[in-house]
Protein backbone atom coordinates (compact mmCIF):
# COMPACT_ATOMS: atom_id res chain seq x y z
CA UNK A 1 0.00 0.00 0.00
CA UNK A 2 1.41 3.40 -0.99
CA UNK A 3 0.41 6.93 0.01
CA UNK A 4 -1.16 8.91 -2.84
CA UNK A 5 1.27 11.06 -4.80
CA UNK A 6 -0.16 13.19 -7.60
CA UNK A 7 2.26 13.54 -10.50
CA UNK A 8 -0.15 15.01 -13.07
CA UNK A 9 -2.39 17.87 -11.94
CA UNK A 10 -5.89 18.37 -13.44
CA UNK A 11 -6.28 20.88 -16.29
CA UNK A 12 -7.99 24.00 -14.91
CA UNK A 13 -9.33 24.91 -18.39
CA UNK A 14 -12.31 22.55 -18.15
CA UNK A 15 -10.93 20.13 -20.72
CA UNK A 16 -10.95 16.38 -20.08
CA UNK A 17 -8.14 14.95 -18.00
CA UNK A 18 -7.03 11.31 -18.18
CA UNK A 19 -5.12 9.93 -15.21
CA UNK A 20 -3.82 6.52 -14.23
CA UNK A 21 -3.88 5.18 -10.67
CA UNK A 22 -2.09 2.32 -8.92
CA UNK A 23 1.35 1.19 -7.83
CA UNK A 24 2.37 0.21 -11.36
CA UNK A 25 5.47 1.95 -12.69
CA UNK A 26 4.72 5.10 -14.68
CA UNK A 27 1.23 5.87 -13.33
CA UNK A 28 0.14 9.48 -12.83
CA UNK A 29 -1.18 9.00 -9.30
CA UNK A 30 0.65 6.55 -7.06
CA UNK A 31 -2.48 5.75 -5.10
CA UNK A 32 -3.16 3.44 -2.21
CA UNK A 33 -4.24 0.22 -3.94
CA UNK A 34 -5.41 -2.89 -2.10
CA UNK A 35 -6.11 -6.31 -3.56
CA UNK A 36 -6.57 -9.93 -2.57
CA UNK A 37 -8.53 -13.00 -3.63
CA UNK A 38 -10.96 -15.19 -1.72
CA UNK A 39 -11.67 -18.89 -2.20
CA UNK A 40 -14.28 -21.45 -1.16
CA UNK A 41 -12.01 -24.38 -2.01
CA UNK A 42 -11.75 -27.01 0.74
CA UNK A 43 -9.70 -25.63 3.60
CA UNK A 44 -9.52 -22.09 2.19
CA UNK A 45 -12.70 -20.17 3.17
CA UNK A 46 -11.00 -18.63 6.22
CA UNK A 47 -7.63 -17.99 4.58
CA UNK A 48 -6.33 -14.61 3.49
CA UNK A 49 -4.24 -13.86 0.38
CA UNK A 50 -3.65 -10.11 0.73
CA UNK A 51 0.12 -10.67 0.58
CA UNK A 52 0.08 -12.95 -2.47
CA UNK A 53 1.97 -11.96 -5.63
CA UNK A 54 -0.90 -13.31 -7.75
CA UNK A 55 -4.68 -13.02 -7.70
CA UNK A 56 -6.80 -15.99 -8.77
CA UNK A 57 -10.35 -16.35 -10.07
CA UNK A 58 -11.96 -19.72 -10.82
CA UNK A 59 -15.64 -20.67 -11.02
CA UNK A 60 -15.75 -24.16 -9.57
CA UNK A 61 -14.08 -23.22 -6.26
CA UNK A 62 -15.56 -19.69 -6.17
CA UNK A 63 -12.19 -17.94 -6.31
CA UNK A 64 -12.82 -14.20 -6.69
CA UNK A 65 -10.46 -11.23 -7.00
CA UNK A 66 -10.99 -8.09 -4.93
CA UNK A 67 -9.31 -4.81 -5.84
CA UNK A 68 -9.73 -1.17 -4.85
CA UNK A 69 -8.06 1.98 -6.18
CA UNK A 70 -7.99 5.19 -4.14
CA UNK A 71 -9.45 7.91 -6.38
CA UNK A 72 -9.59 10.61 -3.69
CA UNK A 73 -7.26 12.90 -5.65
CA UNK A 74 -10.03 13.46 -8.23
CA UNK A 75 -12.24 16.43 -7.23
CA UNK A 76 -15.62 15.26 -5.95
CA UNK A 77 -17.25 17.70 -8.40
CA UNK A 78 -15.53 16.11 -11.41
CA UNK A 79 -17.61 14.50 -14.17
CA UNK A 80 -16.32 11.05 -15.16
CA UNK A 81 -16.64 10.15 -18.85
CA UNK A 82 -14.61 6.93 -19.11
CA UNK A 83 -12.79 4.38 -16.95
CA UNK A 84 -10.89 1.14 -17.33
CA UNK A 85 -8.72 -1.27 -15.38
CA UNK A 86 -5.56 -2.87 -16.75
CA UNK A 87 -4.19 -6.09 -15.26
CA UNK A 88 -1.37 -8.43 -16.27
CA UNK A 89 -2.62 -11.93 -17.13
CA UNK A 90 -0.20 -14.60 -15.90
CA UNK A 91 -2.42 -17.67 -16.43
CA UNK A 92 -5.68 -18.22 -18.30
CA UNK A 93 -7.86 -20.59 -20.29
CA UNK A 94 -9.37 -19.37 -23.54
CA UNK A 95 -12.85 -20.30 -22.31
CA UNK A 96 -12.64 -18.03 -19.28
CA UNK A 97 -14.10 -14.54 -19.01
CA UNK A 98 -13.65 -12.03 -16.20
CA UNK A 99 -16.66 -9.98 -15.12
CA UNK A 100 -16.40 -7.06 -12.70
CA UNK A 101 -19.00 -5.99 -10.17
CA UNK A 102 -18.83 -3.13 -7.65
CA UNK A 103 -18.36 -4.20 -4.05
CA UNK A 104 -21.03 -2.86 -1.71
CA UNK A 105 -19.23 -3.40 1.61
CA UNK A 106 -15.88 -2.38 3.04
CA UNK A 107 -13.16 -5.03 3.42
CA UNK A 108 -9.57 -5.36 4.55
CA UNK A 109 -6.74 -6.51 2.31
CA UNK A 110 -4.83 -8.50 4.93
CA UNK A 111 -1.22 -9.60 4.64
CA UNK A 112 -1.53 -13.37 4.34
CA UNK A 113 -0.48 -15.69 1.55
CA UNK A 114 -2.67 -18.65 2.42
CA UNK A 115 -2.80 -18.10 6.18
CA UNK A 116 -5.74 -17.50 8.50
CA UNK A 117 -7.07 -13.95 8.32
CA UNK A 118 -9.43 -11.53 6.60
CA UNK A 119 -10.60 -10.65 4.10
CA UNK A 120 -11.52 -14.19 3.18
CA UNK A 121 -14.48 -16.04 1.70
CA UNK A 122 -16.50 -15.86 4.92
CA UNK A 123 -15.39 -12.55 6.43
CA UNK A 124 -14.80 -9.12 4.89
CA UNK A 125 -12.78 -8.06 7.92
CA UNK A 126 -11.87 -9.79 11.15
CA UNK A 127 -15.04 -10.62 13.05
CA UNK A 128 -17.41 -9.30 10.35
CA UNK A 129 -19.07 -11.61 7.83
CA UNK A 130 -19.93 -10.64 4.26
CA UNK A 131 -23.58 -9.72 3.82
CA UNK A 132 -23.64 -12.44 1.16
CA UNK A 133 -21.01 -15.16 1.56
CA UNK A 134 -18.08 -14.88 -0.80
CA UNK A 135 -18.80 -11.20 -1.46
CA UNK A 136 -21.69 -12.27 -3.69
CA UNK A 137 -24.93 -10.60 -4.74
CA UNK A 138 -27.18 -9.06 -3.63
CA UNK A 139 -25.74 -7.73 -0.35
CA UNK A 140 -22.00 -7.65 -1.02
CA UNK A 141 -21.67 -6.97 -4.75
CA UNK A 142 -23.78 -5.34 -7.43
CA UNK A 143 -24.52 -5.80 -11.13
CA UNK A 144 -21.84 -6.43 -13.76
CA UNK A 145 -20.09 -3.21 -14.84
CA UNK A 146 -17.30 -4.65 -16.99
CA UNK A 147 -16.33 -7.78 -18.93
CA UNK A 148 -13.10 -8.89 -20.61
CA UNK A 149 -11.72 -12.15 -22.01
CA UNK A 150 -7.97 -12.87 -21.82
CA UNK A 151 -6.31 -13.95 -25.05
CA UNK A 152 -2.63 -13.84 -24.12
CA UNK A 153 -0.19 -13.68 -21.23
CA UNK A 154 -0.09 -9.90 -21.41
CA UNK A 155 -1.88 -6.81 -20.20
CA UNK A 156 -5.68 -7.01 -20.34
CA UNK A 157 -7.74 -3.81 -20.24
CA UNK A 158 -11.37 -3.93 -19.12
CA UNK A 159 -13.71 -0.99 -19.73
CA UNK A 160 -15.64 -0.08 -16.56
CA UNK A 161 -19.06 1.60 -16.51
CA UNK A 162 -18.23 5.28 -15.80
CA UNK A 163 -21.43 5.75 -13.77
CA UNK A 164 -20.07 3.44 -11.07
CA UNK A 165 -16.75 5.28 -10.99
CA UNK A 166 -18.66 8.56 -10.82
CA UNK A 167 -20.26 7.35 -7.58
CA UNK A 168 -16.84 6.60 -6.12
CA UNK A 169 -15.56 10.05 -7.13
CA UNK A 170 -18.61 11.98 -5.90
CA UNK A 171 -18.84 10.00 -2.66
CA UNK A 172 -15.42 8.51 -1.81
CA UNK A 173 -16.86 6.72 1.25
CA UNK A 174 -18.80 4.47 -1.15
CA UNK A 175 -15.69 3.32 -3.01
CA UNK A 176 -15.30 -0.30 -1.91
CA UNK A 177 -13.68 -1.33 -5.18
CA UNK A 178 -14.44 -4.25 -7.49
CA UNK A 179 -14.78 -8.00 -7.40
CA UNK A 180 -13.83 -10.11 -10.44
CA UNK A 181 -15.65 -13.35 -11.18
CA UNK A 182 -14.47 -15.97 -13.68
CA UNK A 183 -17.10 -17.83 -15.72
CA UNK A 184 -14.95 -20.92 -16.22
CA UNK A 185 -13.59 -23.78 -14.10
CA UNK A 186 -9.95 -23.11 -14.99
CA UNK A 187 -8.12 -20.37 -13.15
CA UNK A 188 -7.46 -16.89 -14.50
CA UNK A 189 -4.54 -15.40 -12.60
CA UNK A 190 -3.31 -11.83 -12.60
CA UNK A 191 -0.34 -10.08 -11.03
CA UNK A 192 -1.13 -8.33 -7.75
CA UNK A 193 0.19 -5.10 -6.24
CA UNK A 194 2.77 -7.31 -4.49
CA UNK A 195 4.21 -8.57 -7.78
CA UNK A 196 7.95 -7.73 -7.83
CA UNK A 197 7.64 -6.47 -11.41
CA UNK A 198 6.20 -2.97 -11.00
CA UNK A 199 5.05 -2.75 -14.63
CA UNK A 200 2.79 -5.80 -14.11
CA UNK A 201 0.73 -4.45 -11.20
CA UNK A 202 -2.94 -3.44 -11.59
CA UNK A 203 -3.74 0.05 -12.87
CA UNK A 204 -6.92 2.09 -13.24
CA UNK A 205 -7.43 4.80 -15.87
CA UNK A 206 -10.08 7.51 -15.41
CA UNK A 207 -11.05 10.31 -17.81
CA UNK A 208 -12.94 13.20 -16.29
CA UNK A 209 -13.68 16.92 -16.53
CA UNK A 210 -12.51 18.65 -13.31
């Protein structure tokens, strides 16, 4: 997790500004980014993976990726016109598709790599269960706001519904991030913010008028 550092200031002229957020090398705003994955596989529902170098999503064991970008440097009065998330695919099956939904509850990243702790499949933070187990719908995650299908071991960019990002910008307290589901039984894996290769870490891009 890194404190926010703004490297590119918004244009005061009223023109659109496009900024990138994350702990990936070269981003405009080095923002606090948290991510983990949760799993319902035997023996894993109470385990935390906040310190893992990879994030996994697989349908048959309900592995789901959680990620949140701090967008607080964007003025709350800004109007968002476009948004996307870029992740580095490190394993995939051609039949798999990632879908993104907004999380509706707060959660903690944790520091585990397969050790007991939260967030996990049963708890969003220590001592507090998800409204719907596994951060599912309807209480813990909303409707689909983005879809993308990996085709190579490379960066994958997913367009995100700007209306959802607008909510996070206008009301930062409602920014709980995203959860990624995989439609297939083979794992899709992406590099996390803990990946030692800085250029592989997750990044969010937002275009807005200040």
